[in-house]
């Protein structure tokens, strides 16, 4: 585990990550952060269970349920690290379903040298081609995606085009800087252009951009089942900081 090598503990890094990828509505239940963003991604539409909810856990479960039900979203909680085990047990006892683990990986920001072989475009907002190139869990993006993706203080969108329009972009990625941390997400390489170093190229471009914007560390999240991405990030020097998982209320 690499947690001791970074300047932030689990709670600190989760709060940084929450500011880098957030819903457009938020509220508090004690220390817990309730987030809603039109249903696009678990991170923007879940209660971040860090700290004390300000009430007994058996009361926190229905309180979270009510908040998300009022917004017509499936009630969901994000449970990071061992500190969330007691809360996780309370939601499990209420029948909430568990998702697979997500690894939070960190690394000192590498230099990101530009070898000039791949031209990476950086833009402050995602155009339609970028949005079409980002396949979230293999699917096209819903209308809420643009608002979630752009709702950050210091964000950039990287893209690689190898063929003229209307061909799809070869690769895309998103970067965001928060309190000296670069968050890397949405790394997607089109199937026709894989194994050509494009993911490495867009990440290097984000490293350079992040350094220019004051970042000294980088973090990203990857599900445990995504072996190719985990290997890519391992080669890039990322190590595990902690894990989290989601629990979702039973469907009606």
C-alpha atoms as a PDB file:
ATOM      1  CA  UNK A   1       0.000   0.000   0.000  1.00  0.00           C
ATOM      2  CA  UNK A   2       1.320   3.452  -0.928  1.00  0.00           C
ATOM      3  CA  UNK A   3      -0.760   5.580   1.375  1.00  0.00           C
ATOM      4  CA  UNK A   4       2.094   6.529   3.727  1.00  0.00           C
ATOM      5  CA  UNK A   5       4.141   7.916   0.825  1.00  0.00           C
ATOM      6  CA  UNK A   6       1.599  10.564  -0.112  1.00  0.00           C
ATOM      7  CA  UNK A   7       0.808  13.821   1.697  1.00  0.00           C
ATOM      8  CA  UNK A   8      -2.893  12.976   2.108  1.00  0.00           C
ATOM      9  CA  UNK A   9      -4.746  10.255   4.010  1.00  0.00           C
ATOM     10  CA  UNK A  10      -7.824   8.482   2.674  1.00  0.00           C
ATOM     11  CA  UNK A  11     -10.267  11.171   3.779  1.00  0.00           C
ATOM     12  CA  UNK A  12      -8.095  13.972   2.447  1.00  0.00           C
ATOM     13  CA  UNK A  13      -7.622  12.414  -0.969  1.00  0.00           C
ATOM     14  CA  UNK A  14     -11.310  11.526  -1.280  1.00  0.00           C
ATOM     15  CA  UNK A  15     -12.279  15.128  -0.609  1.00  0.00           C
ATOM     16  CA  UNK A  16      -9.808  16.319  -3.264  1.00  0.00           C
ATOM     17  CA  UNK A  17     -11.227  13.796  -5.728  1.00  0.00           C
ATOM     18  CA  UNK A  18     -14.777  14.855  -4.867  1.00  0.00           C
ATOM     19  CA  UNK A  19     -13.955  18.435  -5.865  1.00  0.00           C
ATOM     20  CA  UNK A  20     -12.448  17.233  -9.128  1.00  0.00           C
ATOM     21  CA  UNK A  21     -15.523  15.219 -10.142  1.00  0.00           C
ATOM     22  CA  UNK A  22     -18.717  16.444  -8.585  1.00  0.00           C
ATOM     23  CA  UNK A  23     -22.430  16.553  -9.003  1.00  0.00           C
ATOM     24  CA  UNK A  24     -24.104  19.883  -9.569  1.00  0.00           C
ATOM     25  CA  UNK A  25     -26.073  19.525  -6.347  1.00  0.00           C
ATOM     26  CA  UNK A  26     -24.610  18.691  -2.947  1.00  0.00           C
ATOM     27  CA  UNK A  27     -25.647  18.612   0.690  1.00  0.00           C
ATOM     28  CA  UNK A  28     -24.293  17.422   4.004  1.00  0.00           C
ATOM     29  CA  UNK A  29     -25.331  14.714   6.418  1.00  0.00           C
ATOM     30  CA  UNK A  30     -22.920  15.482   9.215  1.00  0.00           C
ATOM     31  CA  UNK A  31     -19.494  14.973   7.624  1.00  0.00           C
ATOM     32  CA  UNK A  32     -20.903  12.899   4.755  1.00  0.00           C
ATOM     33  CA  UNK A  33     -21.128  14.575   1.365  1.00  0.00           C
ATOM     34  CA  UNK A  34     -24.342  13.942  -0.593  1.00  0.00           C
ATOM     35  CA  UNK A  35     -23.952  14.482  -4.357  1.00  0.00           C
ATOM     36  CA  UNK A  36     -26.356  14.425  -7.294  1.00  0.00           C
ATOM     37  CA  UNK A  37     -25.449  14.919 -10.943  1.00  0.00           C
ATOM     38  CA  UNK A  38     -28.227  13.634 -13.142  1.00  0.00           C
ATOM     39  CA  UNK A  39     -27.279  10.005 -12.634  1.00  0.00           C
ATOM     40  CA  UNK A  40     -23.977  10.203 -14.581  1.00  0.00           C
ATOM     41  CA  UNK A  41     -21.307   8.180 -12.708  1.00  0.00           C
ATOM     42  CA  UNK A  42     -21.280   6.863  -9.193  1.00  0.00           C
ATOM     43  CA  UNK A  43     -18.862   9.523  -7.982  1.00  0.00           C
ATOM     44  CA  UNK A  44     -21.218  12.380  -8.892  1.00  0.00           C
ATOM     45  CA  UNK A  45     -24.325  10.594  -7.591  1.00  0.00           C
ATOM     46  CA  UNK A  46     -23.420   9.029  -4.276  1.00  0.00           C
ATOM     47  CA  UNK A  47     -22.953   9.908  -0.633  1.00  0.00           C
ATOM     48  CA  UNK A  48     -19.247  10.063   0.206  1.00  0.00           C
ATOM     49  CA  UNK A  49     -19.059   8.247   3.538  1.00  0.00           C
ATOM     50  CA  UNK A  50     -16.125   9.942   5.255  1.00  0.00           C
ATOM     51  CA  UNK A  51     -16.364  10.964   8.902  1.00  0.00           C
ATOM     52  CA  UNK A  52     -19.417  11.071  11.163  1.00  0.00           C
ATOM     53  CA  UNK A  53     -22.957  11.413   9.752  1.00  0.00           C
ATOM     54  CA  UNK A  54     -24.065  13.260  12.879  1.00  0.00           C
ATOM     55  CA  UNK A  55     -26.623  10.592  13.779  1.00  0.00           C
ATOM     56  CA  UNK A  56     -26.636   6.857  14.539  1.00  0.00           C
ATOM     57  CA  UNK A  57     -25.906   4.719  11.492  1.00  0.00           C
ATOM     58  CA  UNK A  58     -29.358   3.070  11.514  1.00  0.00           C
ATOM     59  CA  UNK A  59     -30.802   6.594  11.101  1.00  0.00           C
ATOM     60  CA  UNK A  60     -28.265   7.615   8.455  1.00  0.00           C
ATOM     61  CA  UNK A  61     -29.394   4.860   6.075  1.00  0.00           C
ATOM     62  CA  UNK A  62     -32.985   6.148   5.651  1.00  0.00           C
ATOM     63  CA  UNK A  63     -31.744   9.763   5.591  1.00  0.00           C
ATOM     64  CA  UNK A  64     -29.517   8.986   2.586  1.00  0.00           C
ATOM     65  CA  UNK A  65     -32.342   7.011   1.004  1.00  0.00           C
ATOM     66  CA  UNK A  66     -34.754   9.935   1.277  1.00  0.00           C
ATOM     67  CA  UNK A  67     -32.293  12.448  -0.196  1.00  0.00           C
ATOM     68  CA  UNK A  68     -31.693  10.431  -3.348  1.00  0.00           C
ATOM     69  CA  UNK A  69     -35.271   9.245  -3.713  1.00  0.00           C
ATOM     70  CA  UNK A  70     -36.438  12.863  -3.704  1.00  0.00           C
ATOM     71  CA  UNK A  71     -34.153  13.446  -6.705  1.00  0.00           C
ATOM     72  CA  UNK A  72     -35.355  10.317  -8.485  1.00  0.00           C
ATOM     73  CA  UNK A  73     -31.908   8.715  -8.216  1.00  0.00           C
ATOM     74  CA  UNK A  74     -31.067   5.273  -6.913  1.00  0.00           C
ATOM     75  CA  UNK A  75     -29.670   5.790  -3.404  1.00  0.00           C
ATOM     76  CA  UNK A  76     -25.945   5.067  -3.487  1.00  0.00           C
ATOM     77  CA  UNK A  77     -23.038   5.415  -1.062  1.00  0.00           C
ATOM     78  CA  UNK A  78     -19.297   5.465  -1.705  1.00  0.00           C
ATOM     79  CA  UNK A  79     -17.396   3.639   1.038  1.00  0.00           C
ATOM     80  CA  UNK A  80     -13.633   4.343   1.034  1.00  0.00           C
ATOM     81  CA  UNK A  81     -11.015   2.525   3.086  1.00  0.00           C
ATOM     82  CA  UNK A  82     -11.321   0.647   6.342  1.00  0.00           C
ATOM     83  CA  UNK A  83     -12.814   3.675   8.108  1.00  0.00           C
ATOM     84  CA  UNK A  84     -16.098   3.079   6.249  1.00  0.00           C
ATOM     85  CA  UNK A  85     -16.525  -0.543   7.343  1.00  0.00           C
ATOM     86  CA  UNK A  86     -19.035   0.170  10.102  1.00  0.00           C
ATOM     87  CA  UNK A  87     -21.175   2.276   7.775  1.00  0.00           C
ATOM     88  CA  UNK A  88     -20.849  -0.370   5.072  1.00  0.00           C
ATOM     89  CA  UNK A  89     -22.148  -2.983   7.475  1.00  0.00           C
ATOM     90  CA  UNK A  90     -25.185  -0.798   8.256  1.00  0.00           C
ATOM     91  CA  UNK A  91     -26.045  -0.404   4.565  1.00  0.00           C
ATOM     92  CA  UNK A  92     -25.438  -4.120   3.962  1.00  0.00           C
ATOM     93  CA  UNK A  93     -27.831  -4.952   6.783  1.00  0.00           C
ATOM     94  CA  UNK A  94     -30.440  -2.809   5.007  1.00  0.00           C
ATOM     95  CA  UNK A  95     -30.027  -4.935   1.879  1.00  0.00           C
ATOM     96  CA  UNK A  96     -27.941  -2.489  -0.179  1.00  0.00           C
ATOM     97  CA  UNK A  97     -26.045  -4.199  -3.020  1.00  0.00           C
ATOM     98  CA  UNK A  98     -22.243  -4.083  -3.189  1.00  0.00           C
ATOM     99  CA  UNK A  99     -20.272  -3.192  -6.335  1.00  0.00           C
ATOM    100  CA  UNK A 100     -16.729  -4.336  -7.078  1.00  0.00           C
ATOM    101  CA  UNK A 101     -13.739  -2.600  -5.545  1.00  0.00           C
ATOM    102  CA  UNK A 102     -12.281   0.514  -7.157  1.00  0.00           C
ATOM    103  CA  UNK A 103      -8.557   1.125  -6.702  1.00  0.00           C
ATOM    104  CA  UNK A 104      -7.389   4.669  -5.996  1.00  0.00           C
ATOM    105  CA  UNK A 105      -3.841   4.920  -7.349  1.00  0.00           C
ATOM    106  CA  UNK A 106      -1.360   7.705  -6.737  1.00  0.00           C
ATOM    107  CA  UNK A 107       2.099   8.720  -7.943  1.00  0.00           C
ATOM    108  CA  UNK A 108       4.415  11.705  -7.696  1.00  0.00           C
ATOM    109  CA  UNK A 109       3.737  13.693 -10.832  1.00  0.00           C
ATOM    110  CA  UNK A 110       6.152  12.350 -13.465  1.00  0.00           C
ATOM    111  CA  UNK A 111       7.915  14.740 -15.855  1.00  0.00           C
ATOM    112  CA  UNK A 112       5.758  13.704 -18.827  1.00  0.00           C
ATOM    113  CA  UNK A 113       8.361  14.280 -21.573  1.00  0.00           C
ATOM    114  CA  UNK A 114       7.076  15.054 -25.051  1.00  0.00           C
ATOM    115  CA  UNK A 115       8.721  12.750 -27.581  1.00  0.00           C
ATOM    116  CA  UNK A 116       6.848  14.471 -30.411  1.00  0.00           C
ATOM    117  CA  UNK A 117       5.500  11.257 -31.901  1.00  0.00           C
ATOM    118  CA  UNK A 118       1.843  11.855 -30.939  1.00  0.00           C
ATOM    119  CA  UNK A 119       0.135  15.245 -31.201  1.00  0.00           C
ATOM    120  CA  UNK A 120      -2.166  15.750 -28.222  1.00  0.00           C
ATOM    121  CA  UNK A 121      -4.656  18.607 -28.275  1.00  0.00           C
ATOM    122  CA  UNK A 122      -5.664  20.206 -24.963  1.00  0.00           C
ATOM    123  CA  UNK A 123      -8.893  22.205 -24.634  1.00  0.00           C
ATOM    124  CA  UNK A 124     -10.713  23.797 -21.682  1.00  0.00           C
ATOM    125  CA  UNK A 125     -14.056  22.287 -22.709  1.00  0.00           C
ATOM    126  CA  UNK A 126     -15.020  19.035 -24.439  1.00  0.00           C
ATOM    127  CA  UNK A 127     -16.375  19.370 -27.970  1.00  0.00           C
ATOM    128  CA  UNK A 128     -18.807  16.910 -29.546  1.00  0.00           C
ATOM    129  CA  UNK A 129     -15.949  14.801 -30.928  1.00  0.00           C
ATOM    130  CA  UNK A 130     -14.417  14.462 -27.451  1.00  0.00           C
ATOM    131  CA  UNK A 131     -17.764  13.492 -25.929  1.00  0.00           C
ATOM    132  CA  UNK A 132     -18.263  10.878 -28.655  1.00  0.00           C
ATOM    133  CA  UNK A 133     -14.770   9.525 -28.022  1.00  0.00           C
ATOM    134  CA  UNK A 134     -15.240   9.018 -24.279  1.00  0.00           C
ATOM    135  CA  UNK A 135     -16.943   5.673 -23.744  1.00  0.00           C
ATOM    136  CA  UNK A 136     -18.017   5.525 -20.100  1.00  0.00           C
ATOM    137  CA  UNK A 137     -18.131   1.820 -19.262  1.00  0.00           C
ATOM    138  CA  UNK A 138     -18.332   1.130 -22.971  1.00  0.00           C
ATOM    139  CA  UNK A 139     -21.473   3.209 -23.557  1.00  0.00           C
ATOM    140  CA  UNK A 140     -22.299   6.578 -25.117  1.00  0.00           C
ATOM    141  CA  UNK A 141     -22.657   9.501 -22.725  1.00  0.00           C
ATOM    142  CA  UNK A 142     -26.009  10.727 -21.389  1.00  0.00           C
ATOM    143  CA  UNK A 143     -27.009  14.414 -21.604  1.00  0.00           C
ATOM    144  CA  UNK A 144     -25.904  15.032 -17.995  1.00  0.00           C
ATOM    145  CA  UNK A 145     -22.307  14.099 -18.789  1.00  0.00           C
ATOM    146  CA  UNK A 146     -21.136  17.439 -20.184  1.00  0.00           C
ATOM    147  CA  UNK A 147     -22.211  19.326 -17.072  1.00  0.00           C
ATOM    148  CA  UNK A 148     -20.497  16.866 -14.717  1.00  0.00           C
ATOM    149  CA  UNK A 149     -17.312  16.758 -16.805  1.00  0.00           C
ATOM    150  CA  UNK A 150     -16.907  20.531 -16.967  1.00  0.00           C
ATOM    151  CA  UNK A 151     -17.923  21.361 -13.373  1.00  0.00           C
ATOM    152  CA  UNK A 152     -14.437  21.792 -11.911  1.00  0.00           C
ATOM    153  CA  UNK A 153     -12.177  24.711 -11.031  1.00  0.00           C
ATOM    154  CA  UNK A 154      -9.196  23.832 -13.261  1.00  0.00           C
ATOM    155  CA  UNK A 155      -9.986  21.209 -15.913  1.00  0.00           C
ATOM    156  CA  UNK A 156      -8.658  20.209 -19.339  1.00  0.00           C
ATOM    157  CA  UNK A 157      -9.672  17.763 -22.061  1.00  0.00           C
ATOM    158  CA  UNK A 158      -7.004  15.921 -24.048  1.00  0.00           C
ATOM    159  CA  UNK A 159      -7.585  14.365 -27.456  1.00  0.00           C
ATOM    160  CA  UNK A 160      -5.657  12.690 -30.262  1.00  0.00           C
ATOM    161  CA  UNK A 161      -6.896  12.774 -33.845  1.00  0.00           C
ATOM    162  CA  UNK A 162      -5.206  10.448 -36.326  1.00  0.00           C
ATOM    163  CA  UNK A 163      -7.836  10.520 -39.067  1.00  0.00           C
ATOM    164  CA  UNK A 164      -9.809  13.508 -40.424  1.00  0.00           C
ATOM    165  CA  UNK A 165     -13.401  14.069 -39.435  1.00  0.00           C
ATOM    166  CA  UNK A 166     -15.937  12.492 -39.406  1.00  0.00           C
ATOM    167  CA  UNK A 167     -13.707   9.685 -38.093  1.00  0.00           C
ATOM    168  CA  UNK A 168     -13.737   9.289 -34.321  1.00  0.00           C
ATOM    169  CA  UNK A 169     -10.935  10.621 -32.180  1.00  0.00           C
ATOM    170  CA  UNK A 170      -8.221   8.041 -31.546  1.00  0.00           C
ATOM    171  CA  UNK A 171      -7.922   8.828 -27.825  1.00  0.00           C
ATOM    172  CA  UNK A 172      -9.290  11.154 -25.157  1.00  0.00           C
ATOM    173  CA  UNK A 173      -8.695  11.868 -21.458  1.00  0.00           C
ATOM    174  CA  UNK A 174      -9.649  14.420 -18.800  1.00  0.00           C
ATOM    175  CA  UNK A 175      -7.410  16.154 -16.289  1.00  0.00           C
ATOM    176  CA  UNK A 176      -8.255  18.326 -13.292  1.00  0.00           C
ATOM    177  CA  UNK A 177      -6.012  20.048 -10.745  1.00  0.00           C
ATOM    178  CA  UNK A 178      -7.170  20.486  -7.153  1.00  0.00           C
ATOM    179  CA  UNK A 179      -4.881  21.618  -4.323  1.00  0.00           C
ATOM    180  CA  UNK A 180      -1.725  20.433  -6.058  1.00  0.00           C
ATOM    181  CA  UNK A 181      -3.183  17.096  -7.206  1.00  0.00           C
ATOM    182  CA  UNK A 182      -3.794  16.123 -10.829  1.00  0.00           C
ATOM    183  CA  UNK A 183      -6.786  13.851 -11.263  1.00  0.00           C
ATOM    184  CA  UNK A 184      -6.680  11.741 -14.428  1.00  0.00           C
ATOM    185  CA  UNK A 185      -9.912  10.235 -15.731  1.00  0.00           C
ATOM    186  CA  UNK A 186     -11.893   9.327 -18.842  1.00  0.00           C
ATOM    187  CA  UNK A 187      -8.843   7.753 -20.518  1.00  0.00           C
ATOM    188  CA  UNK A 188     -10.315   6.125 -23.632  1.00  0.00           C
ATOM    189  CA  UNK A 189      -8.545   4.760 -26.706  1.00  0.00           C
ATOM    190  CA  UNK A 190     -10.616   3.831 -29.739  1.00  0.00           C
ATOM    191  CA  UNK A 191     -10.479   0.099 -30.456  1.00  0.00           C
ATOM    192  CA  UNK A 192      -8.999   0.690 -33.922  1.00  0.00           C
ATOM    193  CA  UNK A 193      -5.982   2.492 -32.442  1.00  0.00           C
ATOM    194  CA  UNK A 194      -5.039   0.472 -29.386  1.00  0.00           C
ATOM    195  CA  UNK A 195      -1.533  -0.768 -28.538  1.00  0.00           C
ATOM    196  CA  UNK A 196       0.035   2.267 -30.171  1.00  0.00           C
ATOM    197  CA  UNK A 197       0.981   4.181 -27.021  1.00  0.00           C
ATOM    198  CA  UNK A 198      -1.875   6.671 -27.258  1.00  0.00           C
ATOM    199  CA  UNK A 199      -3.006   6.284 -23.641  1.00  0.00           C
ATOM    200  CA  UNK A 200       0.572   6.917 -22.515  1.00  0.00           C
ATOM    201  CA  UNK A 201       0.746   9.978 -24.791  1.00  0.00           C
ATOM    202  CA  UNK A 202      -2.439  11.625 -23.483  1.00  0.00           C
ATOM    203  CA  UNK A 203      -1.431  10.933 -19.893  1.00  0.00           C
ATOM    204  CA  UNK A 204       1.996  12.488 -20.498  1.00  0.00           C
ATOM    205  CA  UNK A 205       0.288  15.575 -21.931  1.00  0.00           C
ATOM    206  CA  UNK A 206      -1.880  15.775 -18.813  1.00  0.00           C
ATOM    207  CA  UNK A 207       1.200  15.438 -16.582  1.00  0.00           C
ATOM    208  CA  UNK A 208       2.829  18.409 -18.332  1.00  0.00           C
ATOM    209  CA  UNK A 209      -0.375  20.449 -18.095  1.00  0.00           C
ATOM    210  CA  UNK A 210      -0.805  19.513 -14.439  1.00  0.00           C
ATOM    211  CA  UNK A 211       2.750  20.560 -13.586  1.00  0.00           C
ATOM    212  CA  UNK A 212       2.162  23.907 -15.286  1.00  0.00           C
ATOM    213  CA  UNK A 213      -0.923  24.347 -13.074  1.00  0.00           C
ATOM    214  CA  UNK A 214       0.847  23.586  -9.809  1.00  0.00           C
ATOM    215  CA  UNK A 215       0.275  19.837  -9.429  1.00  0.00           C
ATOM    216  CA  UNK A 216       2.917  17.722  -7.714  1.00  0.00           C
ATOM    217  CA  UNK A 217       0.984  14.476  -7.298  1.00  0.00           C
ATOM    218  CA  UNK A 218      -1.421  12.536  -9.502  1.00  0.00           C
ATOM    219  CA  UNK A 219      -4.308  10.221  -8.683  1.00  0.00           C
ATOM    220  CA  UNK A 220      -6.755   8.132 -10.664  1.00  0.00           C
ATOM    221  CA  UNK A 221      -9.384   5.465 -10.087  1.00  0.00           C
ATOM    222  CA  UNK A 222      -9.715   2.091 -11.822  1.00  0.00           C
ATOM    223  CA  UNK A 223     -12.009  -0.868 -11.166  1.00  0.00           C
ATOM    224  CA  UNK A 224     -10.240  -4.043 -10.083  1.00  0.00           C
ATOM    225  CA  UNK A 225     -11.551  -5.983 -13.084  1.00  0.00           C
ATOM    226  CA  UNK A 226      -9.871  -3.656 -15.629  1.00  0.00           C
ATOM    227  CA  UNK A 227      -6.578  -5.541 -15.897  1.00  0.00           C
ATOM    228  CA  UNK A 228      -5.229  -3.713 -19.000  1.00  0.00           C
ATOM    229  CA  UNK A 229      -5.704  -0.284 -17.403  1.00  0.00           C
ATOM    230  CA  UNK A 230      -4.175  -1.452 -14.131  1.00  0.00           C
ATOM    231  CA  UNK A 231      -1.089  -2.648 -15.987  1.00  0.00           C
ATOM    232  CA  UNK A 232      -0.830   0.649 -17.877  1.00  0.00           C
ATOM    233  CA  UNK A 233      -0.961   2.613 -14.643  1.00  0.00           C
ATOM    234  CA  UNK A 234       1.503   0.254 -12.919  1.00  0.00           C
ATOM    235  CA  UNK A 235       4.028   0.863 -15.683  1.00  0.00           C
ATOM    236  CA  UNK A 236       3.444   4.603 -15.238  1.00  0.00           C
ATOM    237  CA  UNK A 237       4.472   4.343 -11.585  1.00  0.00           C
ATOM    238  CA  UNK A 238       1.091   4.447  -9.851  1.00  0.00           C
ATOM    239  CA  UNK A 239       0.619   2.453  -6.655  1.00  0.00           C
ATOM    240  CA  UNK A 240      -2.453   1.698  -4.581  1.00  0.00           C
ATOM    241  CA  UNK A 241      -3.382   4.327  -2.017  1.00  0.00           C
ATOM    242  CA  UNK A 242      -6.696   2.800  -0.909  1.00  0.00           C
ATOM    243  CA  UNK A 243      -9.852   1.194  -2.234  1.00  0.00           C
ATOM    244  CA  UNK A 244     -13.513   2.061  -2.190  1.00  0.00           C
ATOM    245  CA  UNK A 245     -16.739   0.476  -3.324  1.00  0.00           C
ATOM    246  CA  UNK A 246     -20.331   1.512  -3.811  1.00  0.00           C
ATOM    247  CA  UNK A 247     -23.465   0.135  -2.206  1.00  0.00           C
ATOM    248  CA  UNK A 248     -26.800   0.780  -3.865  1.00  0.00           C
ATOM    249  CA  UNK A 249     -30.285   0.543  -2.400  1.00  0.00           C
ATOM    250  CA  UNK A 250     -32.364  -2.418  -3.553  1.00  0.00           C
ATOM    251  CA  UNK A 251     -34.397  -1.732  -6.656  1.00  0.00           C
ATOM    252  CA  UNK A 252     -38.152  -1.440  -6.027  1.00  0.00           C
END
